[in-house]
């Protein structure tokens, strides 16, 4: 099986998540309990961004180890708060066996392709010129990853990870969605949205792609099964 959960926001005690509401109290213990109860060693768990509040890789190392020791094969993606994620080679050196990090590339595990990119704010009235520049760059990075996946196989199912939502309920067609459809992505998982912003989260089938919001608070701090 494939599972997903985003926005773990692990901290060393300096940024407790319950400042965002009492429902965040002990949130990782709840995720961990669900994870250990449901995930088998052969399963895959997708973690699309904001794993740790750490600013440096050394500070994030205990969090990478905590996640790495949980059951299953783990695939990480960078989020907007993952400031510790610098050189991809250094990140990969700190990962335990069975844990992988995606960046401008792809992965094939047990007959399923995995690709992805962080994404960014979608174009709109309040988006600044600098945000549009980053958005265009993320389109290039996403296509690089999807193209690498489809170079491996045109037939295998393709699961894509993004941190930012590639679309919302109000804004459907974007550069991201066009790429997902062009490269025949089966399922797209994303996070980033919390609290009232979850009302804008699009979930369901569009253009042949199944969209799934997996922010941990949207999932009541459990893992979501990912359909193919």
Protein backbone atom coordinates (compact mmCIF):
# COMPACT_ATOMS: atom_id res chain seq x y z
CA UNK A 1 0.00 0.00 0.00
CA UNK A 2 0.91 3.65 -0.39
CA UNK A 3 0.22 6.18 2.38
CA UNK A 4 0.84 9.92 2.66
CA UNK A 5 1.01 12.57 5.37
CA UNK A 6 2.43 16.10 5.11
CA UNK A 7 3.47 18.91 7.42
CA UNK A 8 4.80 16.96 10.40
CA UNK A 9 6.50 20.19 11.59
CA UNK A 10 8.76 18.36 14.03
CA UNK A 11 10.63 20.56 16.50
CA UNK A 12 13.23 20.28 19.22
CA UNK A 13 10.80 21.82 21.72
CA UNK A 14 11.26 25.41 20.56
CA UNK A 15 8.20 25.48 18.27
CA UNK A 16 5.34 23.49 19.83
CA UNK A 17 2.52 23.13 17.32
CA UNK A 18 -0.25 23.45 19.92
CA UNK A 19 0.12 27.23 19.63
CA UNK A 20 -2.03 26.71 16.50
CA UNK A 21 -4.78 25.05 18.53
CA UNK A 22 -5.28 22.34 21.15
CA UNK A 23 -5.92 19.76 18.42
CA UNK A 24 -2.16 19.92 17.65
CA UNK A 25 -1.15 18.77 21.16
CA UNK A 26 0.99 15.63 20.90
CA UNK A 27 0.36 15.52 17.17
CA UNK A 28 3.42 13.49 16.19
CA UNK A 29 2.75 10.84 18.85
CA UNK A 30 -0.69 10.35 17.27
CA UNK A 31 0.76 10.15 13.76
CA UNK A 32 3.43 7.74 14.97
CA UNK A 33 0.90 5.44 16.65
CA UNK A 34 -1.26 5.27 13.52
CA UNK A 35 1.83 4.75 11.34
CA UNK A 36 3.14 1.86 13.43
CA UNK A 37 -0.28 0.20 13.52
CA UNK A 38 -0.95 0.30 9.77
CA UNK A 39 2.28 0.45 7.76
CA UNK A 40 4.13 -2.72 6.81
CA UNK A 41 7.83 -2.81 5.85
CA UNK A 42 6.97 -3.17 2.13
CA UNK A 43 4.55 -0.20 2.11
CA UNK A 44 5.47 3.30 0.91
CA UNK A 45 4.85 6.48 2.93
CA UNK A 46 4.97 9.84 1.12
CA UNK A 47 5.98 12.95 3.10
CA UNK A 48 5.38 15.98 0.86
CA UNK A 49 7.09 18.75 2.78
CA UNK A 50 7.53 20.66 6.03
CA UNK A 51 9.01 17.75 7.93
CA UNK A 52 10.98 19.82 10.43
CA UNK A 53 11.19 23.35 11.85
CA UNK A 54 14.99 22.99 12.01
CA UNK A 55 17.09 25.64 10.31
CA UNK A 56 20.20 23.48 9.79
CA UNK A 57 20.63 19.89 8.65
CA UNK A 58 22.33 18.91 11.91
CA UNK A 59 19.28 20.14 13.84
CA UNK A 60 16.97 18.17 11.55
CA UNK A 61 19.03 14.95 11.83
CA UNK A 62 17.10 13.62 14.88
CA UNK A 63 13.82 14.18 13.03
CA UNK A 64 15.10 12.39 9.93
CA UNK A 65 16.13 9.49 12.15
CA UNK A 66 12.75 9.39 13.93
CA UNK A 67 10.94 9.15 10.62
CA UNK A 68 13.54 6.83 9.12
CA UNK A 69 13.03 4.26 11.89
CA UNK A 70 9.28 4.04 11.30
CA UNK A 71 7.99 1.15 9.17
CA UNK A 72 7.84 1.31 5.39
CA UNK A 73 9.78 2.97 2.61
CA UNK A 74 9.70 6.74 3.05
CA UNK A 75 9.89 9.36 0.29
CA UNK A 76 10.57 12.97 1.33
CA UNK A 77 9.92 16.20 -0.56
CA UNK A 78 11.01 19.71 0.42
CA UNK A 79 8.41 22.14 1.81
CA UNK A 80 8.53 25.89 2.22
CA UNK A 81 9.56 25.61 5.90
CA UNK A 82 12.27 22.99 5.36
CA UNK A 83 15.11 25.51 5.66
CA UNK A 84 17.45 22.70 6.77
CA UNK A 85 17.16 21.13 3.28
CA UNK A 86 20.17 22.49 1.38
CA UNK A 87 22.42 20.32 -0.75
CA UNK A 88 20.48 17.24 -1.85
CA UNK A 89 23.62 15.10 -1.62
CA UNK A 90 24.10 16.11 2.04
CA UNK A 91 20.44 15.45 2.80
CA UNK A 92 20.63 11.99 1.24
CA UNK A 93 23.76 11.18 3.23
CA UNK A 94 21.78 11.69 6.46
CA UNK A 95 18.88 9.44 5.51
CA UNK A 96 18.56 5.93 6.91
CA UNK A 97 18.24 2.99 4.50
CA UNK A 98 14.74 2.81 3.06
CA UNK A 99 14.30 6.59 3.12
CA UNK A 100 14.56 8.64 -0.07
CA UNK A 101 14.49 12.32 -1.01
CA UNK A 102 13.11 13.64 -4.31
CA UNK A 103 14.57 16.72 -5.96
CA UNK A 104 14.35 17.32 -9.72
CA UNK A 105 14.34 13.56 -10.28
CA UNK A 106 12.17 10.50 -9.82
CA UNK A 107 12.03 7.13 -8.10
CA UNK A 108 10.59 3.74 -9.00
CA UNK A 109 9.59 1.43 -6.15
CA UNK A 110 7.74 -1.85 -6.59
CA UNK A 111 6.35 -0.96 -10.00
CA UNK A 112 5.19 2.58 -9.15
CA UNK A 113 6.85 5.81 -10.31
CA UNK A 114 7.23 8.74 -7.92
CA UNK A 115 7.97 12.33 -8.93
CA UNK A 116 7.36 15.80 -7.57
CA UNK A 117 8.37 19.35 -6.77
CA UNK A 118 7.59 21.84 -4.02
CA UNK A 119 5.33 24.11 -6.07
CA UNK A 120 4.52 27.69 -5.12
CA UNK A 121 1.76 30.27 -4.86
CA UNK A 122 -0.59 30.13 -7.82
CA UNK A 123 -0.92 33.16 -10.10
CA UNK A 124 -3.61 35.58 -8.98
CA UNK A 125 -4.36 39.18 -8.10
CA UNK A 126 -2.28 39.19 -4.90
CA UNK A 127 0.77 37.35 -6.26
CA UNK A 128 3.89 39.49 -6.61
CA UNK A 129 6.34 39.47 -9.49
CA UNK A 130 8.90 37.55 -7.41
CA UNK A 131 6.32 34.88 -6.66
CA UNK A 132 5.55 34.54 -10.35
CA UNK A 133 9.25 34.04 -11.04
CA UNK A 134 9.41 31.23 -8.44
CA UNK A 135 6.19 29.74 -9.83
CA UNK A 136 7.73 29.55 -13.31
CA UNK A 137 10.87 27.95 -11.87
CA UNK A 138 8.80 25.35 -10.04
CA UNK A 139 6.99 24.50 -13.28
CA UNK A 140 10.37 23.71 -14.82
CA UNK A 141 11.38 21.59 -11.84
CA UNK A 142 8.12 19.68 -11.81
CA UNK A 143 8.39 18.93 -15.52
CA UNK A 144 11.99 17.80 -15.06
CA UNK A 145 10.85 15.28 -12.44
CA UNK A 146 7.81 14.09 -14.42
CA UNK A 147 9.85 13.75 -17.61
CA UNK A 148 12.44 11.65 -15.78
CA UNK A 149 9.67 9.39 -14.48
CA UNK A 150 8.07 8.88 -17.87
CA UNK A 151 11.51 8.21 -19.38
CA UNK A 152 11.63 5.17 -17.10
CA UNK A 153 8.20 3.95 -18.16
CA UNK A 154 5.21 5.11 -20.14
CA UNK A 155 3.00 2.39 -18.66
CA UNK A 156 3.68 2.27 -14.91
CA UNK A 157 1.38 4.25 -12.59
CA UNK A 158 2.80 7.65 -11.60
CA UNK A 159 2.26 9.27 -8.20
CA UNK A 160 3.30 12.92 -7.86
CA UNK A 161 4.07 14.84 -4.68
CA UNK A 162 3.85 18.60 -4.23
CA UNK A 163 3.96 20.68 -1.09
CA UNK A 164 1.84 23.58 -2.30
CA UNK A 165 -1.57 22.79 -3.80
CA UNK A 166 -1.34 22.74 -7.63
CA UNK A 167 -4.95 23.95 -7.80
CA UNK A 168 -7.74 25.02 -5.45
CA UNK A 169 -11.51 24.72 -5.46
CA UNK A 170 -11.73 28.20 -7.00
CA UNK A 171 -8.70 28.01 -9.30
CA UNK A 172 -8.71 24.85 -11.35
CA UNK A 173 -6.54 25.13 -14.45
CA UNK A 174 -2.90 26.05 -13.70
CA UNK A 175 0.48 25.36 -15.19
CA UNK A 176 0.89 22.60 -12.62
CA UNK A 177 -2.37 20.85 -13.50
CA UNK A 178 -1.55 20.99 -17.20
CA UNK A 179 1.77 19.23 -16.54
CA UNK A 180 0.13 16.60 -14.33
CA UNK A 181 -2.36 15.82 -17.07
CA UNK A 182 0.22 15.87 -19.86
CA UNK A 183 2.42 13.33 -18.09
CA UNK A 184 -0.58 11.19 -17.11
CA UNK A 185 -0.14 11.39 -13.34
CA UNK A 186 -2.50 9.01 -11.56
CA UNK A 187 -2.52 10.64 -8.13
CA UNK A 188 -1.24 13.96 -6.78
CA UNK A 189 -0.73 14.41 -3.03
CA UNK A 190 -0.07 17.81 -1.46
CA UNK A 191 -0.06 19.56 1.91
CA UNK A 192 0.69 23.13 3.09
CA UNK A 193 -2.92 24.09 3.86
CA UNK A 194 -4.06 24.30 7.48
CA UNK A 195 -7.04 25.52 9.49
CA UNK A 196 -9.48 27.74 7.55
CA UNK A 197 -7.31 27.44 4.41
CA UNK A 198 -8.34 23.79 4.14
CA UNK A 199 -11.71 24.99 2.83
CA UNK A 200 -9.94 25.81 -0.44
CA UNK A 201 -8.37 22.34 -0.77
CA UNK A 202 -9.48 20.60 -3.93
CA UNK A 203 -9.88 16.85 -3.60
CA UNK A 204 -11.15 14.44 -6.20
CA UNK A 205 -10.70 13.55 -9.85
CA UNK A 206 -10.00 16.17 -12.51
CA UNK A 207 -8.43 15.68 -15.93
CA UNK A 208 -7.65 12.07 -15.08
CA UNK A 209 -5.67 13.06 -11.96
CA UNK A 210 -6.83 12.20 -8.44
CA UNK A 211 -6.01 15.09 -6.06
CA UNK A 212 -5.52 14.41 -2.35
CA UNK A 213 -4.75 16.94 0.40
CA UNK A 214 -2.68 15.20 3.08
CA UNK A 215 -1.86 17.97 5.58
CA UNK A 216 -1.70 16.06 8.85
CA UNK A 217 -4.34 18.20 10.59
CA UNK A 218 -6.70 17.65 7.65
CA UNK A 219 -6.27 13.90 8.27
CA UNK A 220 -6.85 14.11 12.04
CA UNK A 221 -3.16 13.21 12.41
CA UNK A 222 -3.41 9.87 10.65
CA UNK A 223 -1.97 8.60 7.38
CA UNK A 224 -4.07 8.73 4.22
CA UNK A 225 -4.14 5.75 1.84
CA UNK A 226 -3.13 6.83 -1.66
CA UNK A 227 -5.13 5.38 -4.57
CA UNK A 228 -3.59 4.55 -7.92
